[in-house]
């Protein structure tokens, strides 16, 4: 039951955060600094989340495993300007291929 309470509180918090964003005056959103931060902040947060999920092990240790190899493959696909689905597919397939010997 605690999980459902957490999900409900998270949903209410997300709704309130979105409502708070609608209450910000338009003049404040037109400032160049705010516009630039709004464009760059999601990219930085997503990159940090990806790095944390890829390289963090138990207890905050740095871990290099199949996930890091898959992330490298996805980054290479991005450098080659592959479509998004190819980038995701490359990451998934390379990660699975590196983990495959561990299955048997």
PDB file of N, CA and C in Angstrom:
ATOM      1  N   UNK A   1       0.826  -1.204   0.000  1.00  0.00           N
ATOM      2  CA  UNK A   1       0.000   0.000   0.000  1.00  0.00           C
ATOM      3  C   UNK A   1       0.854   1.245   0.000  1.00  0.00           C
ATOM      4  N   UNK A   2       2.037   1.172   0.603  1.00  0.00           N
ATOM      5  CA  UNK A   2       2.906   2.346   0.631  1.00  0.00           C
ATOM      6  C   UNK A   2       3.337   2.774  -0.768  1.00  0.00           C
ATOM      7  N   UNK A   3       3.454   1.823  -1.681  1.00  0.00           N
ATOM      8  CA  UNK A   3       3.846   2.152  -3.055  1.00  0.00           C
ATOM      9  C   UNK A   3       2.775   3.017  -3.705  1.00  0.00           C
ATOM     10  N   UNK A   4       1.509   2.660  -3.489  1.00  0.00           N
ATOM     11  CA  UNK A   4       0.419   3.436  -4.085  1.00  0.00           C
ATOM     12  C   UNK A   4       0.329   4.827  -3.488  1.00  0.00           C
ATOM     13  N   UNK A   5       0.643   4.945  -2.223  1.00  0.00           N
ATOM     14  CA  UNK A   5       0.672   6.277  -1.607  1.00  0.00           C
ATOM     15  C   UNK A   5       1.790   7.103  -2.236  1.00  0.00           C
ATOM     16  N   UNK A   6       2.940   6.498  -2.439  1.00  0.00           N
ATOM     17  CA  UNK A   6       4.057   7.204  -3.072  1.00  0.00           C
ATOM     18  C   UNK A   6       3.710   7.602  -4.500  1.00  0.00           C
ATOM     19  N   UNK A   7       3.039   6.708  -5.238  1.00  0.00           N
ATOM     20  CA  UNK A   7       2.642   7.028  -6.609  1.00  0.00           C
ATOM     21  C   UNK A   7       1.639   8.177  -6.618  1.00  0.00           C
ATOM     22  N   UNK A   8       0.687   8.139  -5.710  1.00  0.00           N
ATOM     23  CA  UNK A   8      -0.305   9.215  -5.621  1.00  0.00           C
ATOM     24  C   UNK A   8       0.325  10.541  -5.260  1.00  0.00           C
ATOM     25  N   UNK A   9       1.236  10.531  -4.290  1.00  0.00           N
ATOM     26  CA  UNK A   9       1.909  11.770  -3.897  1.00  0.00           C
ATOM     27  C   UNK A   9       2.780  12.300  -5.037  1.00  0.00           C
ATOM     28  N   UNK A  10       3.415  11.401  -5.760  1.00  0.00           N
ATOM     29  CA  UNK A  10       4.229  11.831  -6.899  1.00  0.00           C
ATOM     30  C   UNK A  10       3.355  12.452  -7.982  1.00  0.00           C
ATOM     31  N   UNK A  11       2.200  11.854  -8.251  1.00  0.00           N
ATOM     32  CA  UNK A  11       1.294  12.404  -9.259  1.00  0.00           C
ATOM     33  C   UNK A  11       0.799  13.790  -8.849  1.00  0.00           C
ATOM     34  N   UNK A  12       0.425  13.941  -7.595  1.00  0.00           N
ATOM     35  CA  UNK A  12      -0.030  15.249  -7.105  1.00  0.00           C
ATOM     36  C   UNK A  12       1.112  16.266  -7.174  1.00  0.00           C
ATOM     37  N   UNK A  13       2.321  15.847  -6.797  1.00  0.00           N
ATOM     38  CA  UNK A  13       3.471  16.749  -6.867  1.00  0.00           C
ATOM     39  C   UNK A  13       3.776  17.183  -8.284  1.00  0.00           C
ATOM     40  N   UNK A  14       3.676  16.255  -9.223  1.00  0.00           N
ATOM     41  CA  UNK A  14       3.918  16.614 -10.633  1.00  0.00           C
ATOM     42  C   UNK A  14       2.860  17.585 -11.135  1.00  0.00           C
ATOM     43  N   UNK A  15       1.609  17.351 -10.756  1.00  0.00           N
ATOM     44  CA  UNK A  15       0.546  18.258 -11.167  1.00  0.00           C
ATOM     45  C   UNK A  15       0.759  19.647 -10.587  1.00  0.00           C
ATOM     46  N   UNK A  16       1.138  19.718  -9.313  1.00  0.00           N
ATOM     47  CA  UNK A  16       1.373  21.017  -8.683  1.00  0.00           C
ATOM     48  C   UNK A  16       2.578  21.728  -9.302  1.00  0.00           C
ATOM     49  N   UNK A  17       3.605  20.994  -9.650  1.00  0.00           N
ATOM     50  CA  UNK A  17       4.771  21.607 -10.306  1.00  0.00           C
ATOM     51  C   UNK A  17       4.391  22.166 -11.661  1.00  0.00           C
ATOM     52  N   UNK A  18       3.557  21.432 -12.378  1.00  0.00           N
ATOM     53  CA  UNK A  18       3.096  21.923 -13.677  1.00  0.00           C
ATOM     54  C   UNK A  18       2.203  23.154 -13.505  1.00  0.00           C
ATOM     55  N   UNK A  19       1.347  23.133 -12.518  1.00  0.00           N
ATOM     56  CA  UNK A  19       0.483  24.282 -12.241  1.00  0.00           C
ATOM     57  C   UNK A  19       1.317  25.488 -11.837  1.00  0.00           C
ATOM     58  N   UNK A  20       2.353  25.282 -11.053  1.00  0.00           N
ATOM     59  CA  UNK A  20       3.240  26.368 -10.650  1.00  0.00           C
ATOM     60  C   UNK A  20       3.919  26.988 -11.872  1.00  0.00           C
ATOM     61  N   UNK A  21       4.281  26.155 -12.839  1.00  0.00           N
ATOM     62  CA  UNK A  21       4.888  26.668 -14.061  1.00  0.00           C
ATOM     63  C   UNK A  21       3.950  27.541 -14.860  1.00  0.00           C
ATOM     64  N   UNK A  22       2.664  27.259 -14.805  1.00  0.00           N
ATOM     65  CA  UNK A  22       1.690  28.080 -15.531  1.00  0.00           C
ATOM     66  C   UNK A  22       1.471  29.426 -14.858  1.00  0.00           C
ATOM     67  N   UNK A  23       1.819  29.534 -13.591  1.00  0.00           N
ATOM     68  CA  UNK A  23       1.600  30.780 -12.853  1.00  0.00           C
ATOM     69  C   UNK A  23       2.755  31.756 -12.992  1.00  0.00           C
ATOM     70  N   UNK A  24       3.860  31.342 -13.616  1.00  0.00           N
ATOM     71  CA  UNK A  24       5.008  32.229 -13.798  1.00  0.00           C
ATOM     72  C   UNK A  24       4.636  33.288 -14.844  1.00  0.00           C
ATOM     73  N   UNK A  25       4.895  34.563 -14.568  1.00  0.00           N
ATOM     74  CA  UNK A  25       4.560  35.603 -15.537  1.00  0.00           C
ATOM     75  C   UNK A  25       5.308  35.407 -16.854  1.00  0.00           C
ATOM     76  N   UNK A  26       4.660  35.757 -17.956  1.00  0.00           N
ATOM     77  CA  UNK A  26       5.263  35.572 -19.279  1.00  0.00           C
ATOM     78  C   UNK A  26       6.530  36.404 -19.431  1.00  0.00           C
ATOM     79  N   UNK A  27       6.584  37.575 -18.779  1.00  0.00           N
ATOM     80  CA  UNK A  27       7.767  38.413 -18.883  1.00  0.00           C
ATOM     81  C   UNK A  27       9.010  37.740 -18.321  1.00  0.00           C
ATOM     82  N   UNK A  28       8.829  36.950 -17.278  1.00  0.00           N
ATOM     83  CA  UNK A  28       9.973  36.246 -16.688  1.00  0.00           C
ATOM     84  C   UNK A  28      10.478  35.140 -17.608  1.00  0.00           C
ATOM     85  N   UNK A  29       9.580  34.557 -18.385  1.00  0.00           N
ATOM     86  CA  UNK A  29       9.972  33.466 -19.276  1.00  0.00           C
ATOM     87  C   UNK A  29      10.640  33.957 -20.549  1.00  0.00           C
ATOM     88  N   UNK A  30      10.487  35.244 -20.849  1.00  0.00           N
ATOM     89  CA  UNK A  30      11.060  35.791 -22.081  1.00  0.00           C
ATOM     90  C   UNK A  30      12.503  36.230 -21.911  1.00  0.00           C
ATOM     91  N   UNK A  31      13.025  36.227 -20.702  1.00  0.00           N
ATOM     92  CA  UNK A  31      14.413  36.630 -20.482  1.00  0.00           C
ATOM     93  C   UNK A  31      15.354  35.643 -21.171  1.00  0.00           C
ATOM     94  N   UNK A  32      16.437  36.136 -21.775  1.00  0.00           N
ATOM     95  CA  UNK A  32      17.355  35.238 -22.490  1.00  0.00           C
ATOM     96  C   UNK A  32      17.970  34.156 -21.604  1.00  0.00           C
ATOM     97  N   UNK A  33      18.313  34.511 -20.379  1.00  0.00           N
ATOM     98  CA  UNK A  33      18.912  33.513 -19.485  1.00  0.00           C
ATOM     99  C   UNK A  33      17.934  32.387 -19.182  1.00  0.00           C
ATOM    100  N   UNK A  34      16.688  32.746 -18.930  1.00  0.00           N
ATOM    101  CA  UNK A  34      15.675  31.730 -18.622  1.00  0.00           C
ATOM    102  C   UNK A  34      15.425  30.855 -19.845  1.00  0.00           C
ATOM    103  N   UNK A  35      15.366  31.462 -21.016  1.00  0.00           N
ATOM    104  CA  UNK A  35      15.138  30.686 -22.242  1.00  0.00           C
ATOM    105  C   UNK A  35      16.297  29.719 -22.492  1.00  0.00           C
ATOM    106  N   UNK A  36      17.515  30.212 -22.258  1.00  0.00           N
ATOM    107  CA  UNK A  36      18.680  29.352 -22.485  1.00  0.00           C
ATOM    108  C   UNK A  36      18.709  28.190 -21.479  1.00  0.00           C
ATOM    109  N   UNK A  37      18.400  28.511 -20.223  1.00  0.00           N
ATOM    110  CA  UNK A  37      18.380  27.453 -19.206  1.00  0.00           C
ATOM    111  C   UNK A  37      17.287  26.434 -19.492  1.00  0.00           C
ATOM    112  N   UNK A  38      16.142  26.898 -19.961  1.00  0.00           N
ATOM    113  CA  UNK A  38      15.043  25.980 -20.284  1.00  0.00           C
ATOM    114  C   UNK A  38      15.427  25.055 -21.435  1.00  0.00           C
ATOM    115  N   UNK A  39      16.286  25.534 -22.324  1.00  0.00           N
ATOM    116  CA  UNK A  39      16.705  24.696 -23.443  1.00  0.00           C
ATOM    117  C   UNK A  39      17.787  23.704 -23.029  1.00  0.00           C
ATOM    118  N   UNK A  40      18.670  24.097 -22.132  1.00  0.00           N
ATOM    119  CA  UNK A  40      19.827  23.261 -21.805  1.00  0.00           C
ATOM    120  C   UNK A  40      19.614  22.357 -20.587  1.00  0.00           C
ATOM    121  N   UNK A  41      18.785  22.755 -19.674  1.00  0.00           N
ATOM    122  CA  UNK A  41      18.616  22.001 -18.430  1.00  0.00           C
ATOM    123  C   UNK A  41      18.088  20.579 -18.647  1.00  0.00           C
ATOM    124  N   UNK A  42      17.091  20.357 -19.492  1.00  0.00           N
ATOM    125  CA  UNK A  42      16.635  18.974 -19.695  1.00  0.00           C
ATOM    126  C   UNK A  42      17.727  18.071 -20.262  1.00  0.00           C
ATOM    127  N   UNK A  43      18.561  18.593 -21.144  1.00  0.00           N
ATOM    128  CA  UNK A  43      19.646  17.794 -21.714  1.00  0.00           C
ATOM    129  C   UNK A  43      20.645  17.422 -20.625  1.00  0.00           C
ATOM    130  N   UNK A  44      20.990  18.381 -19.778  1.00  0.00           N
ATOM    131  CA  UNK A  44      21.946  18.109 -18.709  1.00  0.00           C
ATOM    132  C   UNK A  44      21.379  17.100 -17.708  1.00  0.00           C
ATOM    133  N   UNK A  45      20.115  17.236 -17.374  1.00  0.00           N
ATOM    134  CA  UNK A  45      19.496  16.297 -16.425  1.00  0.00           C
ATOM    135  C   UNK A  45      19.424  14.890 -17.014  1.00  0.00           C
ATOM    136  N   UNK A  46      19.073  14.775 -18.282  1.00  0.00           N
ATOM    137  CA  UNK A  46      19.007  13.458 -18.912  1.00  0.00           C
ATOM    138  C   UNK A  46      20.389  12.822 -19.015  1.00  0.00           C
ATOM    139  N   UNK A  47      21.397  13.622 -19.330  1.00  0.00           N
ATOM    140  CA  UNK A  47      22.761  13.089 -19.395  1.00  0.00           C
ATOM    141  C   UNK A  47      23.230  12.619 -18.024  1.00  0.00           C
ATOM    142  N   UNK A  48      22.924  13.381 -16.991  1.00  0.00           N
ATOM    143  CA  UNK A  48      23.315  12.989 -15.638  1.00  0.00           C
ATOM    144  C   UNK A  48      22.591  11.720 -15.205  1.00  0.00           C
ATOM    145  N   UNK A  49      21.318  11.620 -15.540  1.00  0.00           N
ATOM    146  CA  UNK A  49      20.555  10.415 -15.197  1.00  0.00           C
ATOM    147  C   UNK A  49      21.106   9.196 -15.929  1.00  0.00           C
ATOM    148  N   UNK A  50      21.435   9.367 -17.199  1.00  0.00           N
ATOM    149  CA  UNK A  50      22.001   8.265 -17.980  1.00  0.00           C
ATOM    150  C   UNK A  50      23.340   7.824 -17.405  1.00  0.00           C
ATOM    151  N   UNK A  51      24.192   8.768 -17.068  1.00  0.00           N
ATOM    152  CA  UNK A  51      25.497   8.426 -16.505  1.00  0.00           C
ATOM    153  C   UNK A  51      25.344   7.735 -15.154  1.00  0.00           C
ATOM    154  N   UNK A  52      24.438   8.220 -14.351  1.00  0.00           N
ATOM    155  CA  UNK A  52      24.234   7.611 -13.030  1.00  0.00           C
ATOM    156  C   UNK A  52      23.721   6.185 -13.163  1.00  0.00           C
ATOM    157  N   UNK A  53      22.785   5.952 -14.063  1.00  0.00           N
ATOM    158  CA  UNK A  53      22.216   4.625 -14.239  1.00  0.00           C
ATOM    159  C   UNK A  53      23.201   3.665 -14.913  1.00  0.00           C
ATOM    160  N   UNK A  54      24.147   4.201 -15.675  1.00  0.00           N
ATOM    161  CA  UNK A  54      25.087   3.355 -16.407  1.00  0.00           C
ATOM    162  C   UNK A  54      26.308   3.004 -15.566  1.00  0.00           C
ATOM    163  N   UNK A  55      26.833   3.959 -14.838  1.00  0.00           N
ATOM    164  CA  UNK A  55      28.132   3.760 -14.190  1.00  0.00           C
ATOM    165  C   UNK A  55      28.075   3.575 -12.680  1.00  0.00           C
ATOM    166  N   UNK A  56      26.935   3.742 -12.052  1.00  0.00           N
ATOM    167  CA  UNK A  56      26.863   3.631 -10.599  1.00  0.00           C
ATOM    168  C   UNK A  56      26.517   2.206 -10.195  1.00  0.00           C
ATOM    169  N   UNK A  57      27.306   1.654  -9.286  1.00  0.00           N
ATOM    170  CA  UNK A  57      27.035   0.323  -8.767  1.00  0.00           C
ATOM    171  C   UNK A  57      26.481   0.411  -7.359  1.00  0.00           C
ATOM    172  N   UNK A  58      26.480  -0.710  -6.692  1.00  0.00           N
ATOM    173  CA  UNK A  58      26.013  -0.738  -5.309  1.00  0.00           C
ATOM    174  C   UNK A  58      26.956   0.082  -4.440  1.00  0.00           C
ATOM    175  N   UNK A  59      26.402   0.923  -3.620  1.00  0.00           N
ATOM    176  CA  UNK A  59      27.210   1.742  -2.732  1.00  0.00           C
ATOM    177  C   UNK A  59      27.883   2.913  -3.415  1.00  0.00           C
ATOM    178  N   UNK A  60      27.448   3.264  -4.621  1.00  0.00           N
ATOM    179  CA  UNK A  60      28.009   4.411  -5.303  1.00  0.00           C
ATOM    180  C   UNK A  60      29.352   4.172  -5.966  1.00  0.00           C
ATOM    181  N   UNK A  61      29.729   2.917  -6.124  1.00  0.00           N
ATOM    182  CA  UNK A  61      31.000   2.597  -6.770  1.00  0.00           C
ATOM    183  C   UNK A  61      30.875   2.756  -8.277  1.00  0.00           C
ATOM    184  N   UNK A  62      32.006   3.084  -8.910  1.00  0.00           N
ATOM    185  CA  UNK A  62      32.058   3.176 -10.361  1.00  0.00           C
ATOM    186  C   UNK A  62      32.095   1.767 -10.942  1.00  0.00           C
ATOM    187  N   UNK A  63      31.176   1.474 -11.859  1.00  0.00           N
ATOM    188  CA  UNK A  63      31.063   0.153 -12.454  1.00  0.00           C
ATOM    189  C   UNK A  63      31.158   0.294 -13.972  1.00  0.00           C
ATOM    190  N   UNK A  64      32.010  -0.507 -14.574  1.00  0.00           N
ATOM    191  CA  UNK A  64      32.090  -0.573 -16.035  1.00  0.00           C
ATOM    192  C   UNK A  64      31.684  -1.975 -16.451  1.00  0.00           C
ATOM    193  N   UNK A  65      30.495  -2.105 -17.033  1.00  0.00           N
ATOM    194  CA  UNK A  65      30.004  -3.408 -17.450  1.00  0.00           C
ATOM    195  C   UNK A  65      29.346  -3.291 -18.815  1.00  0.00           C
ATOM    196  N   UNK A  66      28.442  -4.192 -19.119  1.00  0.00           N
ATOM    197  CA  UNK A  66      27.801  -4.224 -20.435  1.00  0.00           C
ATOM    198  C   UNK A  66      27.030  -2.940 -20.718  1.00  0.00           C
ATOM    199  N   UNK A  67      26.508  -2.315 -19.695  1.00  0.00           N
ATOM    200  CA  UNK A  67      25.759  -1.073 -19.897  1.00  0.00           C
ATOM    201  C   UNK A  67      26.650   0.018 -20.470  1.00  0.00           C
ATOM    202  N   UNK A  68      27.885   0.078 -20.001  1.00  0.00           N
ATOM    203  CA  UNK A  68      28.818   1.097 -20.508  1.00  0.00           C
ATOM    204  C   UNK A  68      29.150   0.845 -21.974  1.00  0.00           C
ATOM    205  N   UNK A  69      29.293  -0.421 -22.333  1.00  0.00           N
ATOM    206  CA  UNK A  69      29.571  -0.757 -23.734  1.00  0.00           C
ATOM    207  C   UNK A  69      28.370  -0.383 -24.610  1.00  0.00           C
ATOM    208  N   UNK A  70      27.177  -0.678 -24.143  1.00  0.00           N
ATOM    209  CA  UNK A  70      25.967  -0.313 -24.885  1.00  0.00           C
ATOM    210  C   UNK A  70      25.820   1.180 -25.022  1.00  0.00           C
ATOM    211  N   UNK A  71      26.148   1.917 -23.967  1.00  0.00           N
ATOM    212  CA  UNK A  71      26.097   3.380 -24.038  1.00  0.00           C
ATOM    213  C   UNK A  71      27.115   3.900 -25.045  1.00  0.00           C
ATOM    214  N   UNK A  72      28.283   3.267 -25.077  1.00  0.00           N
ATOM    215  CA  UNK A  72      29.294   3.663 -26.065  1.00  0.00           C
ATOM    216  C   UNK A  72      28.805   3.419 -27.489  1.00  0.00           C
ATOM    217  N   UNK A  73      28.133   2.291 -27.700  1.00  0.00           N
ATOM    218  CA  UNK A  73      27.597   1.997 -29.034  1.00  0.00           C
ATOM    219  C   UNK A  73      26.523   3.013 -29.423  1.00  0.00           C
ATOM    220  N   UNK A  74      25.687   3.370 -28.472  1.00  0.00           N
ATOM    221  CA  UNK A  74      24.651   4.371 -28.757  1.00  0.00           C
ATOM    222  C   UNK A  74      25.286   5.731 -29.041  1.00  0.00           C
ATOM    223  N   UNK A  75      26.335   6.077 -28.308  1.00  0.00           N
ATOM    224  CA  UNK A  75      27.019   7.346 -28.551  1.00  0.00           C
ATOM    225  C   UNK A  75      27.662   7.353 -29.934  1.00  0.00           C
ATOM    226  N   UNK A  76      28.235   6.228 -30.323  1.00  0.00           N
ATOM    227  CA  UNK A  76      28.823   6.137 -31.660  1.00  0.00           C
ATOM    228  C   UNK A  76      27.746   6.299 -32.730  1.00  0.00           C
ATOM    229  N   UNK A  77      26.596   5.688 -32.520  1.00  0.00           N
ATOM    230  CA  UNK A  77      25.498   5.848 -33.476  1.00  0.00           C
ATOM    231  C   UNK A  77      25.039   7.307 -33.539  1.00  0.00           C
ATOM    232  N   UNK A  78      25.060   7.990 -32.406  1.00  0.00           N
ATOM    233  CA  UNK A  78      24.695   9.412 -32.400  1.00  0.00           C
ATOM    234  C   UNK A  78      25.710  10.234 -33.184  1.00  0.00           C
ATOM    235  N   UNK A  79      26.976   9.925 -33.012  1.00  0.00           N
ATOM    236  CA  UNK A  79      28.020  10.653 -33.745  1.00  0.00           C
ATOM    237  C   UNK A  79      27.846  10.450 -35.249  1.00  0.00           C
ATOM    238  N   UNK A  80      27.413   9.253 -35.625  1.00  0.00           N
ATOM    239  CA  UNK A  80      27.190   8.954 -37.039  1.00  0.00           C
ATOM    240  C   UNK A  80      25.843   9.479 -37.536  1.00  0.00           C
ATOM    241  N   UNK A  81      25.137  10.203 -36.675  1.00  0.00           N
ATOM    242  CA  UNK A  81      23.842  10.823 -37.002  1.00  0.00           C
ATOM    243  C   UNK A  81      22.787   9.796 -37.429  1.00  0.00           C
ATOM    244  N   UNK A  82      22.762   8.691 -36.714  1.00  0.00           N
ATOM    245  CA  UNK A  82      21.747   7.662 -36.979  1.00  0.00           C
ATOM    246  C   UNK A  82      20.404   8.123 -36.418  1.00  0.00           C
ATOM    247  N   UNK A  83      19.311   7.616 -36.972  1.00  0.00           N
ATOM    248  CA  UNK A  83      17.990   7.925 -36.413  1.00  0.00           C
ATOM    249  C   UNK A  83      17.863   7.418 -34.973  1.00  0.00           C
ATOM    250  N   UNK A  84      16.910   7.996 -34.253  1.00  0.00           N
ATOM    251  CA  UNK A  84      16.758   7.681 -32.829  1.00  0.00           C
ATOM    252  C   UNK A  84      16.559   6.187 -32.585  1.00  0.00           C
ATOM    253  N   UNK A  85      15.713   5.549 -33.377  1.00  0.00           N
ATOM    254  CA  UNK A  85      15.461   4.124 -33.156  1.00  0.00           C
ATOM    255  C   UNK A  85      16.709   3.287 -33.400  1.00  0.00           C
ATOM    256  N   UNK A  86      17.540   3.697 -34.330  1.00  0.00           N
ATOM    257  CA  UNK A  86      18.796   2.978 -34.573  1.00  0.00           C
ATOM    258  C   UNK A  86      19.730   3.151 -33.378  1.00  0.00           C
ATOM    259  N   UNK A  87      19.763   4.348 -32.815  1.00  0.00           N
ATOM    260  CA  UNK A  87      20.598   4.611 -31.637  1.00  0.00           C
ATOM    261  C   UNK A  87      20.162   3.714 -30.482  1.00  0.00           C
ATOM    262  N   UNK A  88      18.874   3.675 -30.229  1.00  0.00           N
ATOM    263  CA  UNK A  88      18.365   2.845 -29.137  1.00  0.00           C
ATOM    264  C   UNK A  88      18.619   1.364 -29.432  1.00  0.00           C
ATOM    265  N   UNK A  89      18.351   0.958 -30.664  1.00  0.00           N
ATOM    266  CA  UNK A  89      18.577  -0.436 -31.046  1.00  0.00           C
ATOM    267  C   UNK A  89      20.038  -0.837 -30.924  1.00  0.00           C
ATOM    268  N   UNK A  90      20.940   0.043 -31.315  1.00  0.00           N
ATOM    269  CA  UNK A  90      22.371  -0.257 -31.202  1.00  0.00           C
ATOM    270  C   UNK A  90      22.766  -0.440 -29.738  1.00  0.00           C
ATOM    271  N   UNK A  91      22.273   0.429 -28.899  1.00  0.00           N
ATOM    272  CA  UNK A  91      22.583   0.299 -27.472  1.00  0.00           C
ATOM    273  C   UNK A  91      22.051  -0.990 -26.882  1.00  0.00           C
ATOM    274  N   UNK A  92      20.832  -1.339 -27.234  1.00  0.00           N
ATOM    275  CA  UNK A  92      20.210  -2.555 -26.701  1.00  0.00           C
ATOM    276  C   UNK A  92      20.929  -3.797 -27.213  1.00  0.00           C
ATOM    277  N   UNK A  93      21.176  -3.840 -28.515  1.00  0.00           N
ATOM    278  CA  UNK A  93      21.796  -5.036 -29.095  1.00  0.00           C
ATOM    279  C   UNK A  93      23.225  -5.244 -28.596  1.00  0.00           C
ATOM    280  N   UNK A  94      23.988  -4.180 -28.499  1.00  0.00           N
ATOM    281  CA  UNK A  94      25.367  -4.323 -28.028  1.00  0.00           C
ATOM    282  C   UNK A  94      25.389  -4.728 -26.555  1.00  0.00           C
ATOM    283  N   UNK A  95      24.522  -4.139 -25.768  1.00  0.00           N
ATOM    284  CA  UNK A  95      24.448  -4.529 -24.351  1.00  0.00           C
ATOM    285  C   UNK A  95      24.073  -6.002 -24.219  1.00  0.00           C
ATOM    286  N   UNK A  96      23.090  -6.449 -25.001  1.00  0.00           N
ATOM    287  CA  UNK A  96      22.682  -7.858 -24.954  1.00  0.00           C
ATOM    288  C   UNK A  96      23.805  -8.765 -25.436  1.00  0.00           C
ATOM    289  N   UNK A  97      24.523  -8.342 -26.464  1.00  0.00           N
ATOM    290  CA  UNK A  97      25.615  -9.178 -26.983  1.00  0.00           C
ATOM    291  C   UNK A  97      26.739  -9.310 -25.968  1.00  0.00           C
ATOM    292  N   UNK A  98      27.026  -8.256 -25.244  1.00  0.00           N
ATOM    293  CA  UNK A  98      28.080  -8.330 -24.221  1.00  0.00           C
ATOM    294  C   UNK A  98      27.628  -9.193 -23.050  1.00  0.00           C
ATOM    295  N   UNK A  99      26.351  -9.131 -22.722  1.00  0.00           N
ATOM    296  CA  UNK A  99      25.844  -9.935 -21.611  1.00  0.00           C
ATOM    297  C   UNK A  99      25.594 -11.390 -21.999  1.00  0.00           C
ATOM    298  N   UNK A 100      25.490 -11.695 -23.282  1.00  0.00           N
ATOM    299  CA  UNK A 100      25.126 -13.034 -23.745  1.00  0.00           C
ATOM    300  C   UNK A 100      26.037 -14.129 -23.198  1.00  0.00           C
ATOM    301  N   UNK A 101      27.356 -13.968 -23.187  1.00  0.00           N
ATOM    302  CA  UNK A 101      28.187 -15.060 -22.630  1.00  0.00           C
ATOM    303  C   UNK A 101      27.865 -15.359 -21.164  1.00  0.00           C
ATOM    304  N   UNK A 102      27.368 -14.384 -20.457  1.00  0.00           N
ATOM    305  CA  UNK A 102      27.041 -14.606 -19.051  1.00  0.00           C
ATOM    306  C   UNK A 102      25.772 -15.429 -18.888  1.00  0.00           C
ATOM    307  N   UNK A 103      24.951 -15.520 -19.930  1.00  0.00           N
ATOM    308  CA  UNK A 103      23.704 -16.284 -19.837  1.00  0.00           C
ATOM    309  C   UNK A 103      23.963 -17.788 -19.800  1.00  0.00           C
ATOM    310  N   UNK A 104      24.923 -18.233 -20.583  1.00  0.00           N
ATOM    311  CA  UNK A 104      25.122 -19.672 -20.716  1.00  0.00           C
ATOM    312  C   UNK A 104      26.043 -20.222 -19.756  1.00  0.00           C
TER     313      UNK A 104
END
